[in-house]
Amino acid sequence: MLIALCISLPFLILISLIVFGGGQVFMPLFSWLWNLLADNFGSQIDNNLINQVFTVSNSTPGVVSTKFAFLTGYLVANGAWWGYLAMFLTYFIFCMPAIFSMLIAMNYLNKFKTNTYFQNLIILFKPLIAGIMFSLAIQLLLSISIPQYYFNKSYQNYFGSVPLKNVSPGSLLDLFNTSSKIGLVRTYLLYIFLIIAAILSFILFKKKIKLIFVIVINISLAIILLEFLSKLIVKII
């Protein structure tokens, strides 16, 4: 476990240095890192746990990428007591490159404004970041609407379906497993929920309703449709 922690530190520095953009851009890289630690260094990290981390990080206030780094220390500890200390170490290691980069940029800010090379570099970054964000949008949309399929998981697993034998009990895929009656009902209700949630969210945003209320309303709607209504339909049919 300590080996996994030591291996994760240089990767955290590398991710912090090379990635530009919003927190969603970090998701495939951290997913790759956690799977690497699980496959080669004994960390007990599976896709269900990774999805839980993504869900919690995206639904709570704060910078998403630093929450990923913070939780990395806990994940590699496999629940051991020192994982709570490792969380602060991985958080600190991840933040330091950004802090040093900011200090250097502030010292050379005036030079950058007139530097042709730097201006061309910014122009080059724009389509790259746009492509990453577009890829992530597809990835998130598929994981929400069609959880049986994956997209952009790694360079070896770009697109495909998840084998049913790899589905963990209680996982997201298990809830929408179409081989079972309730899973099939939940899948159809999920499509209905996505349409209703998209329209409802658009209307609420137009009315300038606070984001927290939009989230609570959509969560409540999801619980009603996917939990209570799905079980009721299964009992009826």
Protein backbone atom coordinates (compact mmCIF):
# COMPACT_ATOMS: atom_id res chain seq x y z
CA MET A 1 0.00 0.00 0.00
CA LEU A 2 2.88 2.35 0.80
CA ILE A 3 4.38 1.48 -2.58
CA ALA A 4 1.11 2.55 -4.24
CA LEU A 5 1.28 5.85 -2.35
CA CYS A 6 4.88 6.47 -3.43
CA ILE A 7 4.04 5.62 -7.04
CA SER A 8 1.01 7.93 -7.03
CA LEU A 9 2.99 11.03 -5.96
CA PRO A 10 5.02 11.58 -9.17
CA PHE A 11 1.91 10.86 -11.24
CA LEU A 12 -0.01 13.50 -9.28
CA ILE A 13 2.75 16.01 -10.03
CA LEU A 14 2.67 15.05 -13.71
CA ILE A 15 -1.13 15.36 -13.94
CA SER A 16 -1.02 18.73 -12.19
CA LEU A 17 1.60 20.02 -14.64
CA ILE A 18 0.20 18.81 -17.95
CA VAL A 19 -3.58 19.23 -17.59
CA PHE A 20 -5.30 22.53 -18.42
CA GLY A 21 -9.01 23.22 -18.07
CA GLY A 22 -11.88 22.56 -15.71
CA GLY A 23 -12.20 19.78 -13.19
CA GLN A 24 -13.96 17.43 -15.61
CA VAL A 25 -10.79 17.26 -17.72
CA PHE A 26 -9.05 15.46 -14.85
CA MET A 27 -11.58 12.62 -14.63
CA PRO A 28 -10.12 10.24 -17.26
CA LEU A 29 -6.57 10.82 -16.00
CA PHE A 30 -7.41 10.10 -12.37
CA SER A 31 -9.50 7.11 -13.46
CA TRP A 32 -6.46 5.80 -15.34
CA LEU A 33 -4.18 6.43 -12.33
CA TRP A 34 -6.49 4.66 -9.87
CA ASN A 35 -6.91 1.68 -12.21
CA LEU A 36 -3.13 1.54 -12.62
CA LEU A 37 -2.65 1.43 -8.85
CA ALA A 38 -5.36 -1.23 -8.52
CA ASP A 39 -4.00 -3.46 -11.28
CA ASN A 40 -0.32 -3.29 -10.36
CA PHE A 41 0.12 -2.24 -6.74
CA GLY A 42 -2.69 -3.91 -4.81
CA SER A 43 -4.96 -0.92 -4.23
CA GLN A 44 -8.56 -2.07 -3.70
CA ILE A 45 -10.09 0.32 -6.21
CA ASP A 46 -12.83 -0.76 -8.62
CA ASN A 47 -15.02 1.10 -11.11
CA ASN A 48 -17.89 1.31 -8.63
CA LEU A 49 -15.64 3.11 -6.12
CA ILE A 50 -14.30 5.41 -8.83
CA ASN A 51 -17.86 6.33 -9.86
CA GLN A 52 -18.70 7.08 -6.22
CA VAL A 53 -15.67 9.40 -5.98
CA PHE A 54 -16.69 11.19 -9.18
CA THR A 55 -20.27 11.56 -7.96
CA VAL A 56 -19.31 12.95 -4.55
CA SER A 57 -16.66 15.27 -6.00
CA ASN A 58 -18.96 16.71 -8.67
CA SER A 59 -21.93 17.17 -6.33
CA THR A 60 -20.07 18.99 -3.53
CA PRO A 61 -18.73 22.57 -3.56
CA GLY A 62 -15.09 23.20 -4.35
CA VAL A 63 -12.45 22.45 -6.97
CA VAL A 64 -13.01 18.98 -8.39
CA SER A 65 -9.40 18.15 -9.31
CA THR A 66 -8.04 18.84 -5.82
CA LYS A 67 -10.75 16.61 -4.35
CA PHE A 68 -9.58 13.82 -6.65
CA ALA A 69 -6.02 14.30 -5.42
CA PHE A 70 -7.18 14.51 -1.80
CA LEU A 71 -9.10 11.24 -2.05
CA THR A 72 -6.21 9.48 -3.81
CA GLY A 73 -4.37 9.25 -0.49
CA TYR A 74 -7.36 7.55 1.10
CA LEU A 75 -7.91 5.16 -1.81
CA VAL A 76 -4.34 3.85 -1.90
CA ALA A 77 -4.44 3.16 1.86
CA ASN A 78 -7.25 0.61 1.44
CA GLY A 79 -9.01 1.94 4.54
CA ALA A 80 -5.92 1.93 6.80
CA TRP A 81 -5.57 4.63 9.47
CA TRP A 82 -2.64 6.32 7.73
CA GLY A 83 -4.87 7.01 4.73
CA TYR A 84 -6.21 10.10 6.51
CA LEU A 85 -2.65 11.46 6.71
CA ALA A 86 -1.88 10.40 3.14
CA MET A 87 -4.86 12.47 1.94
CA PHE A 88 -3.14 15.69 3.01
CA LEU A 89 0.15 14.57 1.43
CA THR A 90 -1.42 13.81 -1.96
CA TYR A 91 -3.38 17.08 -1.79
CA PHE A 92 -0.20 19.07 -1.05
CA ILE A 93 1.83 17.32 -3.76
CA PHE A 94 -0.90 17.95 -6.35
CA CYS A 95 -1.25 21.66 -5.49
CA MET A 96 2.46 22.54 -5.38
CA PRO A 97 3.11 22.54 -9.17
CA ALA A 98 0.16 24.89 -9.71
CA ILE A 99 1.40 27.22 -6.96
CA PHE A 100 4.94 27.35 -8.37
CA SER A 101 3.60 27.83 -11.91
CA MET A 102 1.46 30.73 -10.73
CA LEU A 103 4.41 32.38 -8.95
CA ILE A 104 6.59 32.06 -12.05
CA ALA A 105 3.80 33.34 -14.31
CA MET A 106 3.27 36.39 -12.09
CA ASN A 107 6.97 37.27 -12.34
CA TYR A 108 6.92 37.06 -16.15
CA LEU A 109 3.37 38.31 -16.75
CA ASN A 110 4.38 41.48 -18.58
CA LYS A 111 6.78 39.56 -20.84
CA PHE A 112 4.09 37.02 -21.69
CA LYS A 113 1.75 39.75 -22.90
CA THR A 114 4.13 40.67 -25.72
CA ASN A 115 5.58 37.20 -26.33
CA THR A 116 4.47 35.91 -29.75
CA TYR A 117 5.35 32.30 -28.88
CA PHE A 118 3.19 32.40 -25.76
CA GLN A 119 0.27 33.96 -27.62
CA ASN A 120 0.47 31.25 -30.31
CA LEU A 121 0.61 28.61 -27.58
CA ILE A 122 -2.65 29.91 -26.09
CA ILE A 123 -4.28 29.76 -29.53
CA LEU A 124 -3.09 26.15 -29.87
CA PHE A 125 -4.50 25.19 -26.48
CA LYS A 126 -8.03 26.39 -27.27
CA PRO A 127 -9.03 23.62 -29.75
CA LEU A 128 -7.23 21.01 -27.64
CA ILE A 129 -9.20 21.93 -24.53
CA ALA A 130 -12.42 22.16 -26.57
CA GLY A 131 -11.80 18.62 -27.86
CA ILE A 132 -11.16 17.32 -24.35
CA MET A 133 -14.34 18.95 -23.03
CA PHE A 134 -16.38 17.55 -25.95
CA SER A 135 -14.99 14.07 -25.30
CA LEU A 136 -15.83 14.38 -21.59
CA ALA A 137 -19.35 15.55 -22.40
CA ILE A 138 -19.91 12.38 -24.45
CA GLN A 139 -18.30 10.27 -21.73
CA LEU A 140 -20.53 11.72 -19.00
CA LEU A 141 -23.65 11.53 -21.16
CA LEU A 142 -23.05 7.85 -21.96
CA SER A 143 -22.23 6.95 -18.36
CA ILE A 144 -25.50 8.55 -17.24
CA SER A 145 -27.86 7.52 -20.04
CA ILE A 146 -26.33 4.17 -21.11
CA PRO A 147 -24.31 2.85 -18.14
CA GLN A 148 -23.89 -0.52 -19.92
CA TYR A 149 -21.38 1.12 -22.30
CA TYR A 150 -18.11 2.95 -21.72
CA PHE A 151 -16.36 5.65 -23.75
CA ASN A 152 -12.80 7.03 -23.52
CA LYS A 153 -11.93 4.73 -20.63
CA SER A 154 -8.34 4.35 -21.83
CA TYR A 155 -6.42 4.27 -25.09
CA GLN A 156 -6.96 0.49 -25.22
CA ASN A 157 -10.65 0.64 -24.23
CA TYR A 158 -12.04 3.56 -26.19
CA PHE A 159 -15.61 2.37 -26.67
CA GLY A 160 -17.48 -0.82 -25.88
CA SER A 161 -19.91 -2.60 -23.61
CA VAL A 162 -19.26 -3.81 -20.07
CA PRO A 163 -19.53 -7.63 -19.74
CA LEU A 164 -22.35 -8.62 -17.40
CA LYS A 165 -20.00 -10.97 -15.54
CA ASN A 166 -17.96 -7.93 -14.43
CA VAL A 167 -20.98 -6.22 -12.87
CA SER A 168 -20.59 -5.83 -9.11
CA PRO A 169 -23.71 -6.29 -6.93
CA GLY A 170 -25.16 -2.93 -5.93
CA SER A 171 -23.17 -1.04 -8.56
CA LEU A 172 -24.66 1.38 -11.08
CA LEU A 173 -24.54 -1.28 -13.80
CA ASP A 174 -26.29 -3.75 -11.53
CA LEU A 175 -29.15 -1.30 -10.95
CA PHE A 176 -29.68 -0.97 -14.72
CA ASN A 177 -28.92 -4.56 -15.69
CA THR A 178 -31.39 -5.23 -18.51
CA SER A 179 -31.21 -9.00 -17.95
CA SER A 180 -33.41 -8.53 -14.87
CA LYS A 181 -36.98 -7.25 -14.93
CA ILE A 182 -36.42 -4.35 -12.53
CA GLY A 183 -33.20 -3.39 -14.32
CA LEU A 184 -35.04 -3.21 -17.63
CA VAL A 185 -37.81 -1.09 -16.09
CA ARG A 186 -35.23 1.22 -14.50
CA THR A 187 -33.47 1.62 -17.86
CA TYR A 188 -36.65 2.84 -19.57
CA LEU A 189 -37.48 5.09 -16.62
CA LEU A 190 -33.93 6.47 -16.79
CA TYR A 191 -34.53 7.69 -20.35
CA ILE A 192 -37.78 9.32 -19.24
CA PHE A 193 -35.99 10.92 -16.29
CA LEU A 194 -33.24 12.35 -18.50
CA ILE A 195 -35.77 14.04 -20.78
CA ILE A 196 -37.83 15.43 -17.89
CA ALA A 197 -34.71 16.53 -15.95
CA ALA A 198 -33.22 18.31 -18.98
CA ILE A 199 -36.43 20.24 -19.70
CA LEU A 200 -37.07 20.99 -16.02
CA SER A 201 -33.49 22.17 -15.42
CA PHE A 202 -33.66 24.46 -18.45
CA ILE A 203 -36.90 26.03 -17.20
CA LEU A 204 -35.55 26.47 -13.66
CA PHE A 205 -32.33 28.07 -14.93
CA LYS A 206 -34.38 30.45 -17.05
CA LYS A 207 -36.30 31.42 -13.93
CA LYS A 208 -32.93 31.94 -12.17
CA ILE A 209 -33.60 29.32 -9.51
CA LYS A 210 -30.52 28.60 -7.37
CA LEU A 211 -28.43 25.64 -8.50
CA ILE A 212 -28.74 23.83 -5.16
CA PHE A 213 -32.54 23.73 -5.53
CA VAL A 214 -32.23 22.43 -9.11
CA ILE A 215 -29.96 19.62 -7.87
CA VAL A 216 -32.31 18.72 -5.00
CA ILE A 217 -35.34 18.66 -7.31
CA ASN A 218 -33.59 16.40 -9.83
CA ILE A 219 -32.34 14.05 -7.10
CA SER A 220 -35.86 13.81 -5.67
CA LEU A 221 -37.28 13.12 -9.13
CA ALA A 222 -34.66 10.40 -9.72
CA ILE A 223 -35.49 8.69 -6.42
CA ILE A 224 -39.22 8.75 -7.17
CA LEU A 225 -38.86 7.37 -10.70
CA LEU A 226 -35.93 4.97 -10.40
CA GLU A 227 -36.58 3.61 -6.92
CA PHE A 228 -40.25 3.80 -5.97
CA LEU A 229 -41.98 3.83 -9.37
CA SER A 230 -39.73 1.08 -10.80
CA LYS A 231 -40.57 -1.29 -7.93
CA LEU A 232 -44.27 -0.44 -8.24
CA ILE A 233 -44.27 -1.21 -11.98
CA VAL A 234 -42.47 -4.54 -11.41
CA LYS A 235 -45.10 -5.55 -8.84
CA ILE A 236 -47.93 -4.66 -11.24
CA ILE A 237 -46.51 -6.54 -14.23
